[in-house]
mmCIF file of all heavy atoms, coordinates in Angstrom:
data_MODEL
# 
_entry.id   MODEL 
# 
loop_
_atom_site.group_PDB 
_atom_site.id 
_atom_site.type_symbol 
_atom_site.label_atom_id 
_atom_site.label_alt_id 
_atom_site.label_comp_id 
_atom_site.label_asym_id 
_atom_site.label_entity_id 
_atom_site.label_seq_id 
_atom_site.pdbx_PDB_ins_code 
_atom_site.Cartn_x 
_atom_site.Cartn_y 
_atom_site.Cartn_z 
_atom_site.occupancy 
_atom_site.B_iso_or_equiv 
_atom_site.pdbx_formal_charge 
_atom_site.auth_seq_id 
_atom_site.auth_comp_id 
_atom_site.auth_asym_id 
_atom_site.auth_atom_id 
_atom_site.pdbx_PDB_model_num 
ATOM 1   N N   . PRO A 1 1  ? -17.339 206.377 32.404 1.00 0.00 ? 1  PRO A N   1 
ATOM 2   C CA  . PRO A 1 1  ? -16.884 205.157 33.059 1.00 0.00 ? 1  PRO A CA  1 
ATOM 3   C C   . PRO A 1 1  ? -17.273 205.137 34.529 1.00 0.00 ? 1  PRO A C   1 
ATOM 4   O O   . PRO A 1 1  ? -17.259 206.151 35.207 1.00 0.00 ? 1  PRO A O   1 
ATOM 5   C CB  . PRO A 1 1  ? -15.359 205.203 32.898 1.00 0.00 ? 1  PRO A CB  1 
ATOM 6   C CG  . PRO A 1 1  ? -15.126 206.156 31.770 1.00 0.00 ? 1  PRO A CG  1 
ATOM 7   C CD  . PRO A 1 1  ? -16.250 207.136 31.819 1.00 0.00 ? 1  PRO A CD  1 
ATOM 8   N N   . ILE A 1 2  ? -17.642 203.972 35.010 1.00 0.00 ? 2  ILE A N   1 
ATOM 9   C CA  . ILE A 1 2  ? -17.970 203.796 36.421 1.00 0.00 ? 2  ILE A CA  1 
ATOM 10  C C   . ILE A 1 2  ? -16.723 203.351 37.163 1.00 0.00 ? 2  ILE A C   1 
ATOM 11  O O   . ILE A 1 2  ? -16.085 202.372 36.796 1.00 0.00 ? 2  ILE A O   1 
ATOM 12  C CB  . ILE A 1 2  ? -19.087 202.757 36.589 1.00 0.00 ? 2  ILE A CB  1 
ATOM 13  C CG1 . ILE A 1 2  ? -20.368 203.252 35.872 1.00 0.00 ? 2  ILE A CG1 1 
ATOM 14  C CG2 . ILE A 1 2  ? -19.372 202.500 38.063 1.00 0.00 ? 2  ILE A CG2 1 
ATOM 15  C CD1 . ILE A 1 2  ? -21.473 202.236 35.841 1.00 0.00 ? 2  ILE A CD1 1 
ATOM 16  N N   . ILE A 1 3  ? -16.366 204.066 38.206 1.00 0.00 ? 3  ILE A N   1 
ATOM 17  C CA  . ILE A 1 3  ? -15.170 203.746 38.969 1.00 0.00 ? 3  ILE A CA  1 
ATOM 18  C C   . ILE A 1 3  ? -15.483 202.596 39.913 1.00 0.00 ? 3  ILE A C   1 
ATOM 19  O O   . ILE A 1 3  ? -16.449 202.644 40.665 1.00 0.00 ? 3  ILE A O   1 
ATOM 20  C CB  . ILE A 1 3  ? -14.693 204.968 39.764 1.00 0.00 ? 3  ILE A CB  1 
ATOM 21  C CG1 . ILE A 1 3  ? -14.394 206.123 38.797 1.00 0.00 ? 3  ILE A CG1 1 
ATOM 22  C CG2 . ILE A 1 3  ? -13.480 204.636 40.612 1.00 0.00 ? 3  ILE A CG2 1 
ATOM 23  C CD1 . ILE A 1 3  ? -14.171 207.422 39.512 1.00 0.00 ? 3  ILE A CD1 1 
ATOM 24  N N   . THR A 1 4  ? -14.653 201.581 39.885 1.00 0.00 ? 4  THR A N   1 
ATOM 25  C CA  . THR A 1 4  ? -14.851 200.480 40.815 1.00 0.00 ? 4  THR A CA  1 
ATOM 26  C C   . THR A 1 4  ? -14.118 200.774 42.099 1.00 0.00 ? 4  THR A C   1 
ATOM 27  O O   . THR A 1 4  ? -13.010 201.293 42.101 1.00 0.00 ? 4  THR A O   1 
ATOM 28  C CB  . THR A 1 4  ? -14.319 199.163 40.215 1.00 0.00 ? 4  THR A CB  1 
ATOM 29  O OG1 . THR A 1 4  ? -12.923 199.318 39.958 1.00 0.00 ? 4  THR A OG1 1 
ATOM 30  C CG2 . THR A 1 4  ? -15.031 198.818 38.929 1.00 0.00 ? 4  THR A CG2 1 
ATOM 31  N N   . LEU A 1 5  ? -14.757 200.434 43.208 1.00 0.00 ? 5  LEU A N   1 
ATOM 32  C CA  . LEU A 1 5  ? -14.191 200.706 44.524 1.00 0.00 ? 5  LEU A CA  1 
ATOM 33  C C   . LEU A 1 5  ? -14.147 199.434 45.352 1.00 0.00 ? 5  LEU A C   1 
ATOM 34  O O   . LEU A 1 5  ? -14.317 199.453 46.565 1.00 0.00 ? 5  LEU A O   1 
ATOM 35  C CB  . LEU A 1 5  ? -15.026 201.776 45.237 1.00 0.00 ? 5  LEU A CB  1 
ATOM 36  C CG  . LEU A 1 5  ? -15.059 203.153 44.568 1.00 0.00 ? 5  LEU A CG  1 
ATOM 37  C CD1 . LEU A 1 5  ? -16.028 204.061 45.292 1.00 0.00 ? 5  LEU A CD1 1 
ATOM 38  C CD2 . LEU A 1 5  ? -13.678 203.766 44.553 1.00 0.00 ? 5  LEU A CD2 1 
ATOM 39  N N   . THR A 1 6  ? -13.869 198.334 44.694 1.00 0.00 ? 6  THR A N   1 
ATOM 40  C CA  . THR A 1 6  ? -13.924 197.057 45.398 1.00 0.00 ? 6  THR A CA  1 
ATOM 41  C C   . THR A 1 6  ? -12.877 196.947 46.472 1.00 0.00 ? 6  THR A C   1 
ATOM 42  O O   . THR A 1 6  ? -13.058 196.230 47.449 1.00 0.00 ? 6  THR A O   1 
ATOM 43  C CB  . THR A 1 6  ? -13.734 195.902 44.401 1.00 0.00 ? 6  THR A CB  1 
ATOM 44  O OG1 . THR A 1 6  ? -12.492 196.090 43.716 1.00 0.00 ? 6  THR A OG1 1 
ATOM 45  C CG2 . THR A 1 6  ? -14.857 195.882 43.394 1.00 0.00 ? 6  THR A CG2 1 
ATOM 46  N N   . LEU A 1 7  ? -11.777 197.645 46.343 1.00 0.00 ? 7  LEU A N   1 
ATOM 47  C CA  . LEU A 1 7  ? -10.666 197.450 47.267 1.00 0.00 ? 7  LEU A CA  1 
ATOM 48  C C   . LEU A 1 7  ? -11.046 197.770 48.699 1.00 0.00 ? 7  LEU A C   1 
ATOM 49  O O   . LEU A 1 7  ? -10.645 197.075 49.630 1.00 0.00 ? 7  LEU A O   1 
ATOM 50  C CB  . LEU A 1 7  ? -9.493  198.334 46.834 1.00 0.00 ? 7  LEU A CB  1 
ATOM 51  C CG  . LEU A 1 7  ? -8.258  198.246 47.717 1.00 0.00 ? 7  LEU A CG  1 
ATOM 52  C CD1 . LEU A 1 7  ? -7.711  196.835 47.731 1.00 0.00 ? 7  LEU A CD1 1 
ATOM 53  C CD2 . LEU A 1 7  ? -7.211  199.233 47.270 1.00 0.00 ? 7  LEU A CD2 1 
ATOM 54  N N   . LEU A 1 8  ? -11.856 198.823 48.864 1.00 0.00 ? 8  LEU A N   1 
ATOM 55  C CA  . LEU A 1 8  ? -12.101 199.286 50.228 1.00 0.00 ? 8  LEU A CA  1 
ATOM 56  C C   . LEU A 1 8  ? -13.547 199.070 50.671 1.00 0.00 ? 8  LEU A C   1 
ATOM 57  O O   . LEU A 1 8  ? -13.980 199.638 51.662 1.00 0.00 ? 8  LEU A O   1 
ATOM 58  C CB  . LEU A 1 8  ? -11.741 200.776 50.327 1.00 0.00 ? 8  LEU A CB  1 
ATOM 59  C CG  . LEU A 1 8  ? -10.278 201.084 49.986 1.00 0.00 ? 8  LEU A CG  1 
ATOM 60  C CD1 . LEU A 1 8  ? -10.036 202.587 50.083 1.00 0.00 ? 8  LEU A CD1 1 
ATOM 61  C CD2 . LEU A 1 8  ? -9.326  200.350 50.900 1.00 0.00 ? 8  LEU A CD2 1 
ATOM 62  N N   . LEU A 1 9  ? -14.282 198.242 49.943 1.00 0.00 ? 9  LEU A N   1 
ATOM 63  C CA  . LEU A 1 9  ? -15.681 198.049 50.298 1.00 0.00 ? 9  LEU A CA  1 
ATOM 64  C C   . LEU A 1 9  ? -15.862 197.376 51.650 1.00 0.00 ? 9  LEU A C   1 
ATOM 65  O O   . LEU A 1 9  ? -16.897 197.515 52.285 1.00 0.00 ? 9  LEU A O   1 
ATOM 66  C CB  . LEU A 1 9  ? -16.381 197.220 49.211 1.00 0.00 ? 9  LEU A CB  1 
ATOM 67  C CG  . LEU A 1 9  ? -16.636 197.959 47.886 1.00 0.00 ? 9  LEU A CG  1 
ATOM 68  C CD1 . LEU A 1 9  ? -17.276 197.011 46.897 1.00 0.00 ? 9  LEU A CD1 1 
ATOM 69  C CD2 . LEU A 1 9  ? -17.526 199.167 48.103 1.00 0.00 ? 9  LEU A CD2 1 
ATOM 70  N N   . CYS A 1 10 ? -14.868 196.629 52.058 1.00 0.00 ? 10 CYS A N   1 
ATOM 71  C CA  . CYS A 1 10 ? -15.006 195.885 53.318 1.00 0.00 ? 10 CYS A CA  1 
ATOM 72  C C   . CYS A 1 10 ? -14.296 196.577 54.470 1.00 0.00 ? 10 CYS A C   1 
ATOM 73  O O   . CYS A 1 10 ? -13.886 195.934 55.428 1.00 0.00 ? 10 CYS A O   1 
ATOM 74  C CB  . CYS A 1 10 ? -14.471 194.465 53.137 1.00 0.00 ? 10 CYS A CB  1 
ATOM 75  S SG  . CYS A 1 10 ? -15.345 193.524 51.877 1.00 0.00 ? 10 CYS A SG  1 
ATOM 76  N N   . GLY A 1 11 ? -14.124 197.880 54.375 1.00 0.00 ? 11 GLY A N   1 
ATOM 77  C CA  . GLY A 1 11 ? -13.446 198.602 55.457 1.00 0.00 ? 11 GLY A CA  1 
ATOM 78  C C   . GLY A 1 11 ? -11.957 198.579 55.225 1.00 0.00 ? 11 GLY A C   1 
ATOM 79  O O   . GLY A 1 11 ? -11.411 199.418 54.546 1.00 0.00 ? 11 GLY A O   1 
ATOM 80  N N   . SER A 1 12 ? -11.253 197.601 55.795 1.00 0.00 ? 12 SER A N   1 
ATOM 81  C CA  . SER A 1 12 ? -9.826  197.450 55.550 1.00 0.00 ? 12 SER A CA  1 
ATOM 82  C C   . SER A 1 12 ? -9.616  196.904 54.155 1.00 0.00 ? 12 SER A C   1 
ATOM 83  O O   . SER A 1 12 ? -10.246 195.934 53.751 1.00 0.00 ? 12 SER A O   1 
ATOM 84  C CB  . SER A 1 12 ? -9.206  196.480 56.553 1.00 0.00 ? 12 SER A CB  1 
ATOM 85  O OG  . SER A 1 12 ? -7.916  196.101 56.128 1.00 0.00 ? 12 SER A OG  1 
ATOM 86  N N   . GLY A 1 13 ? -8.716  197.521 53.377 1.00 0.00 ? 13 GLY A N   1 
ATOM 87  C CA  . GLY A 1 13 ? -8.457  197.043 52.032 1.00 0.00 ? 13 GLY A CA  1 
ATOM 88  C C   . GLY A 1 13 ? -8.019  195.593 52.015 1.00 0.00 ? 13 GLY A C   1 
ATOM 89  O O   . GLY A 1 13 ? -8.396  194.813 51.147 1.00 0.00 ? 13 GLY A O   1 
ATOM 90  N N   . LEU A 1 14 ? -7.206  195.181 53.001 1.00 0.00 ? 14 LEU A N   1 
ATOM 91  C CA  . LEU A 1 14 ? -6.681  193.823 52.994 1.00 0.00 ? 14 LEU A CA  1 
ATOM 92  C C   . LEU A 1 14 ? -7.784  192.782 53.142 1.00 0.00 ? 14 LEU A C   1 
ATOM 93  O O   . LEU A 1 14 ? -7.669  191.683 52.623 1.00 0.00 ? 14 LEU A O   1 
ATOM 94  C CB  . LEU A 1 14 ? -5.645  193.664 54.108 1.00 0.00 ? 14 LEU A CB  1 
ATOM 95  C CG  . LEU A 1 14 ? -4.381  194.509 53.942 1.00 0.00 ? 14 LEU A CG  1 
ATOM 96  C CD1 . LEU A 1 14 ? -3.488  194.339 55.159 1.00 0.00 ? 14 LEU A CD1 1 
ATOM 97  C CD2 . LEU A 1 14 ? -3.629  194.125 52.688 1.00 0.00 ? 14 LEU A CD2 1 
ATOM 98  N N   . SER A 1 15 ? -8.870  193.121 53.819 1.00 0.00 ? 15 SER A N   1 
ATOM 99  C CA  . SER A 1 15 ? -9.918  192.130 54.037 1.00 0.00 ? 15 SER A CA  1 
ATOM 100 C C   . SER A 1 15 ? -10.735 191.865 52.788 1.00 0.00 ? 15 SER A C   1 
ATOM 101 O O   . SER A 1 15 ? -11.511 190.920 52.757 1.00 0.00 ? 15 SER A O   1 
ATOM 102 C CB  . SER A 1 15 ? -10.855 192.618 55.150 1.00 0.00 ? 15 SER A CB  1 
ATOM 103 O OG  . SER A 1 15 ? -11.560 193.776 54.738 1.00 0.00 ? 15 SER A OG  1 
ATOM 104 N N   . ALA A 1 16 ? -10.586 192.703 51.743 1.00 0.00 ? 16 ALA A N   1 
ATOM 105 C CA  . ALA A 1 16 ? -11.370 192.527 50.531 1.00 0.00 ? 16 ALA A CA  1 
ATOM 106 C C   . ALA A 1 16 ? -10.656 191.686 49.485 1.00 0.00 ? 16 ALA A C   1 
ATOM 107 O O   . ALA A 1 16 ? -11.179 191.445 48.417 1.00 0.00 ? 16 ALA A O   1 
ATOM 108 C CB  . ALA A 1 16 ? -11.708 193.894 49.926 1.00 0.00 ? 16 ALA A CB  1 
ATOM 109 N N   . TYR A 1 17 ? -9.431  191.241 49.750 1.00 0.00 ? 17 TYR A N   1 
ATOM 110 C CA  . TYR A 1 17 ? -8.669  190.506 48.747 1.00 0.00 ? 17 TYR A CA  1 
ATOM 111 C C   . TYR A 1 17 ? -9.290  189.133 48.506 1.00 0.00 ? 17 TYR A C   1 
ATOM 112 O O   . TYR A 1 17 ? -9.779  188.483 49.418 1.00 0.00 ? 17 TYR A O   1 
ATOM 113 C CB  . TYR A 1 17 ? -7.223  190.305 49.204 1.00 0.00 ? 17 TYR A CB  1 
ATOM 114 C CG  . TYR A 1 17 ? -6.467  191.575 49.461 1.00 0.00 ? 17 TYR A CG  1 
ATOM 115 C CD1 . TYR A 1 17 ? -5.366  191.563 50.287 1.00 0.00 ? 17 TYR A CD1 1 
ATOM 116 C CD2 . TYR A 1 17 ? -6.862  192.767 48.891 1.00 0.00 ? 17 TYR A CD2 1 
ATOM 117 C CE1 . TYR A 1 17 ? -4.668  192.726 50.533 1.00 0.00 ? 17 TYR A CE1 1 
ATOM 118 C CE2 . TYR A 1 17 ? -6.177  193.926 49.137 1.00 0.00 ? 17 TYR A CE2 1 
ATOM 119 C CZ  . TYR A 1 17 ? -5.077  193.911 49.962 1.00 0.00 ? 17 TYR A CZ  1 
ATOM 120 O OH  . TYR A 1 17 ? -4.393  195.055 50.213 1.00 0.00 ? 17 TYR A OH  1 
ATOM 121 N N   . PRO A 1 18 ? -9.235  188.636 47.259 1.00 0.00 ? 18 PRO A N   1 
ATOM 122 C CA  . PRO A 1 18 ? -9.762  187.305 46.977 1.00 0.00 ? 18 PRO A CA  1 
ATOM 123 C C   . PRO A 1 18 ? -8.899  186.229 47.617 1.00 0.00 ? 18 PRO A C   1 
ATOM 124 O O   . PRO A 1 18 ? -7.716  186.425 47.869 1.00 0.00 ? 18 PRO A O   1 
ATOM 125 C CB  . PRO A 1 18 ? -9.703  187.233 45.445 1.00 0.00 ? 18 PRO A CB  1 
ATOM 126 C CG  . PRO A 1 18 ? -8.616  188.196 45.060 1.00 0.00 ? 18 PRO A CG  1 
ATOM 127 C CD  . PRO A 1 18 ? -8.688  189.302 46.063 1.00 0.00 ? 18 PRO A CD  1 
ATOM 128 N N   . ALA A 1 19 ? -9.505  185.078 47.862 1.00 0.00 ? 19 ALA A N   1 
ATOM 129 C CA  . ALA A 1 19 ? -8.789  183.992 48.532 1.00 0.00 ? 19 ALA A CA  1 
ATOM 130 C C   . ALA A 1 19 ? -7.787  183.309 47.613 1.00 0.00 ? 19 ALA A C   1 
ATOM 131 O O   . ALA A 1 19 ? -6.832  182.683 48.079 1.00 0.00 ? 19 ALA A O   1 
ATOM 132 C CB  . ALA A 1 19 ? -9.801  182.962 49.051 1.00 0.00 ? 19 ALA A CB  1 
ATOM 133 N N   . GLU A 1 20 ? -7.977  183.395 46.315 1.00 0.00 ? 20 GLU A N   1 
ATOM 134 C CA  . GLU A 1 20 ? -7.090  182.718 45.373 1.00 0.00 ? 20 GLU A CA  1 
ATOM 135 C C   . GLU A 1 20 ? -5.642  183.164 45.569 1.00 0.00 ? 20 GLU A C   1 
ATOM 136 O O   . GLU A 1 20 ? -5.360  184.345 45.724 1.00 0.00 ? 20 GLU A O   1 
ATOM 137 C CB  . GLU A 1 20 ? -7.537  183.032 43.945 1.00 0.00 ? 20 GLU A CB  1 
ATOM 138 C CG  . GLU A 1 20 ? -6.672  182.413 42.863 1.00 0.00 ? 20 GLU A CG  1 
ATOM 139 C CD  . GLU A 1 20 ? -7.145  182.811 41.481 1.00 0.00 ? 20 GLU A CD  1 
ATOM 140 O OE1 . GLU A 1 20 ? -8.363  183.036 41.311 1.00 0.00 ? 20 GLU A OE1 1 
ATOM 141 O OE2 . GLU A 1 20 ? -6.300  182.904 40.575 1.00 0.00 ? 20 GLU A OE2 1 
ATOM 142 N N   . ASP A 1 21 ? -4.736  182.213 45.542 1.00 0.00 ? 21 ASP A N   1 
ATOM 143 C CA  . ASP A 1 21 ? -3.312  182.507 45.743 1.00 0.00 ? 21 ASP A CA  1 
ATOM 144 C C   . ASP A 1 21 ? -2.742  183.123 44.468 1.00 0.00 ? 21 ASP A C   1 
ATOM 145 O O   . ASP A 1 21 ? -2.640  182.446 43.441 1.00 0.00 ? 21 ASP A O   1 
ATOM 146 C CB  . ASP A 1 21 ? -2.555  181.237 46.096 1.00 0.00 ? 21 ASP A CB  1 
ATOM 147 C CG  . ASP A 1 21 ? -1.081  181.496 46.373 1.00 0.00 ? 21 ASP A CG  1 
ATOM 148 O OD1 . ASP A 1 21 ? -0.670  182.678 46.368 1.00 0.00 ? 21 ASP A OD1 1 
ATOM 149 O OD2 . ASP A 1 21 ? -0.342  180.518 46.590 1.00 0.00 ? 21 ASP A OD2 1 
ATOM 150 N N   . PRO A 1 22 ? -2.343  184.385 44.495 1.00 0.00 ? 22 PRO A N   1 
ATOM 151 C CA  . PRO A 1 22 ? -1.820  185.007 43.274 1.00 0.00 ? 22 PRO A CA  1 
ATOM 152 C C   . PRO A 1 22 ? -0.457  184.460 42.864 1.00 0.00 ? 22 PRO A C   1 
ATOM 153 O O   . PRO A 1 22 ? -0.010  184.727 41.740 1.00 0.00 ? 22 PRO A O   1 
ATOM 154 C CB  . PRO A 1 22 ? -1.733  186.492 43.645 1.00 0.00 ? 22 PRO A CB  1 
ATOM 155 C CG  . PRO A 1 22 ? -1.570  186.500 45.123 1.00 0.00 ? 22 PRO A CG  1 
ATOM 156 C CD  . PRO A 1 22 ? -2.364  185.335 45.627 1.00 0.00 ? 22 PRO A CD  1 
ATOM 157 N N   . LEU A 1 23 ? 0.204   183.707 43.751 1.00 0.00 ? 23 LEU A N   1 
ATOM 158 C CA  . LEU A 1 23 ? 1.539   183.191 43.433 1.00 0.00 ? 23 LEU A CA  1 
ATOM 159 C C   . LEU A 1 23 ? 1.524   181.760 42.908 1.00 0.00 ? 23 LEU A C   1 
ATOM 160 O O   . LEU A 1 23 ? 2.583   181.174 42.691 1.00 0.00 ? 23 LEU A O   1 
ATOM 161 C CB  . LEU A 1 23 ? 2.430   183.252 44.685 1.00 0.00 ? 23 LEU A CB  1 
ATOM 162 C CG  . LEU A 1 23 ? 2.704   184.649 45.252 1.00 0.00 ? 23 LEU A CG  1 
ATOM 163 C CD1 . LEU A 1 23 ? 3.621   184.543 46.464 1.00 0.00 ? 23 LEU A CD1 1 
ATOM 164 C CD2 . LEU A 1 23 ? 3.312   185.558 44.202 1.00 0.00 ? 23 LEU A CD2 1 
ATOM 165 N N   . LYS A 1 24 ? 0.337   181.215 42.681 1.00 0.00 ? 24 LYS A N   1 
ATOM 166 C CA  . LYS A 1 24 ? 0.288   179.812 42.283 1.00 0.00 ? 24 LYS A CA  1 
ATOM 167 C C   . LYS A 1 24 ? 0.943   179.566 40.923 1.00 0.00 ? 24 LYS A C   1 
ATOM 168 O O   . LYS A 1 24 ? 1.390   178.451 40.634 1.00 0.00 ? 24 LYS A O   1 
ATOM 169 C CB  . LYS A 1 24 ? -1.141  179.302 42.269 1.00 0.00 ? 24 LYS A CB  1 
ATOM 170 C CG  . LYS A 1 24 ? -2.042  179.892 41.200 1.00 0.00 ? 24 LYS A CG  1 
ATOM 171 C CD  . LYS A 1 24 ? -3.429  179.294 41.264 1.00 0.00 ? 24 LYS A CD  1 
ATOM 172 C CE  . LYS A 1 24 ? -4.321  179.837 40.148 1.00 0.00 ? 24 LYS A CE  1 
ATOM 173 N NZ  . LYS A 1 24 ? -5.685  179.233 40.195 1.00 0.00 ? 24 LYS A NZ  1 
ATOM 174 N N   . THR A 1 25 ? 1.037   180.592 40.074 1.00 0.00 ? 25 THR A N   1 
ATOM 175 C CA  . THR A 1 25 ? 1.676   180.439 38.767 1.00 0.00 ? 25 THR A CA  1 
ATOM 176 C C   . THR A 1 25 ? 2.994   181.209 38.684 1.00 0.00 ? 25 THR A C   1 
ATOM 177 O O   . THR A 1 25 ? 3.478   181.492 37.584 1.00 0.00 ? 25 THR A O   1 
ATOM 178 C CB  . THR A 1 25 ? 0.735   180.913 37.654 1.00 0.00 ? 25 THR A CB  1 
ATOM 179 O OG1 . THR A 1 25 ? 0.373   182.289 37.892 1.00 0.00 ? 25 THR A OG1 1 
ATOM 180 C CG2 . THR A 1 25 ? -0.519  180.055 37.605 1.00 0.00 ? 25 THR A CG2 1 
ATOM 181 N N   . LEU A 1 26 ? 3.579   181.569 39.832 1.00 0.00 ? 26 LEU A N   1 
ATOM 182 C CA  . LEU A 1 26 ? 4.824   182.351 39.824 1.00 0.00 ? 26 LEU A CA  1 
ATOM 183 C C   . LEU A 1 26 ? 5.931   181.603 39.097 1.00 0.00 ? 26 LEU A C   1 
ATOM 184 O O   . LEU A 1 26 ? 6.204   180.434 39.378 1.00 0.00 ? 26 LEU A O   1 
ATOM 185 C CB  . LEU A 1 26 ? 5.267   182.637 41.256 1.00 0.00 ? 26 LEU A CB  1 
ATOM 186 C CG  . LEU A 1 26 ? 6.571   183.428 41.412 1.00 0.00 ? 26 LEU A CG  1 
ATOM 187 C CD1 . LEU A 1 26 ? 6.374   184.871 40.965 1.00 0.00 ? 26 LEU A CD1 1 
ATOM 188 C CD2 . LEU A 1 26 ? 7.079   183.367 42.850 1.00 0.00 ? 26 LEU A CD2 1 
# 
């Protein structure tokens, strides 16, 4: 398996988050 490292690819983990609102279906 290939480990994905998308979280920290942009330096700060928070800056890599998608723009979509995760609470839109809360």
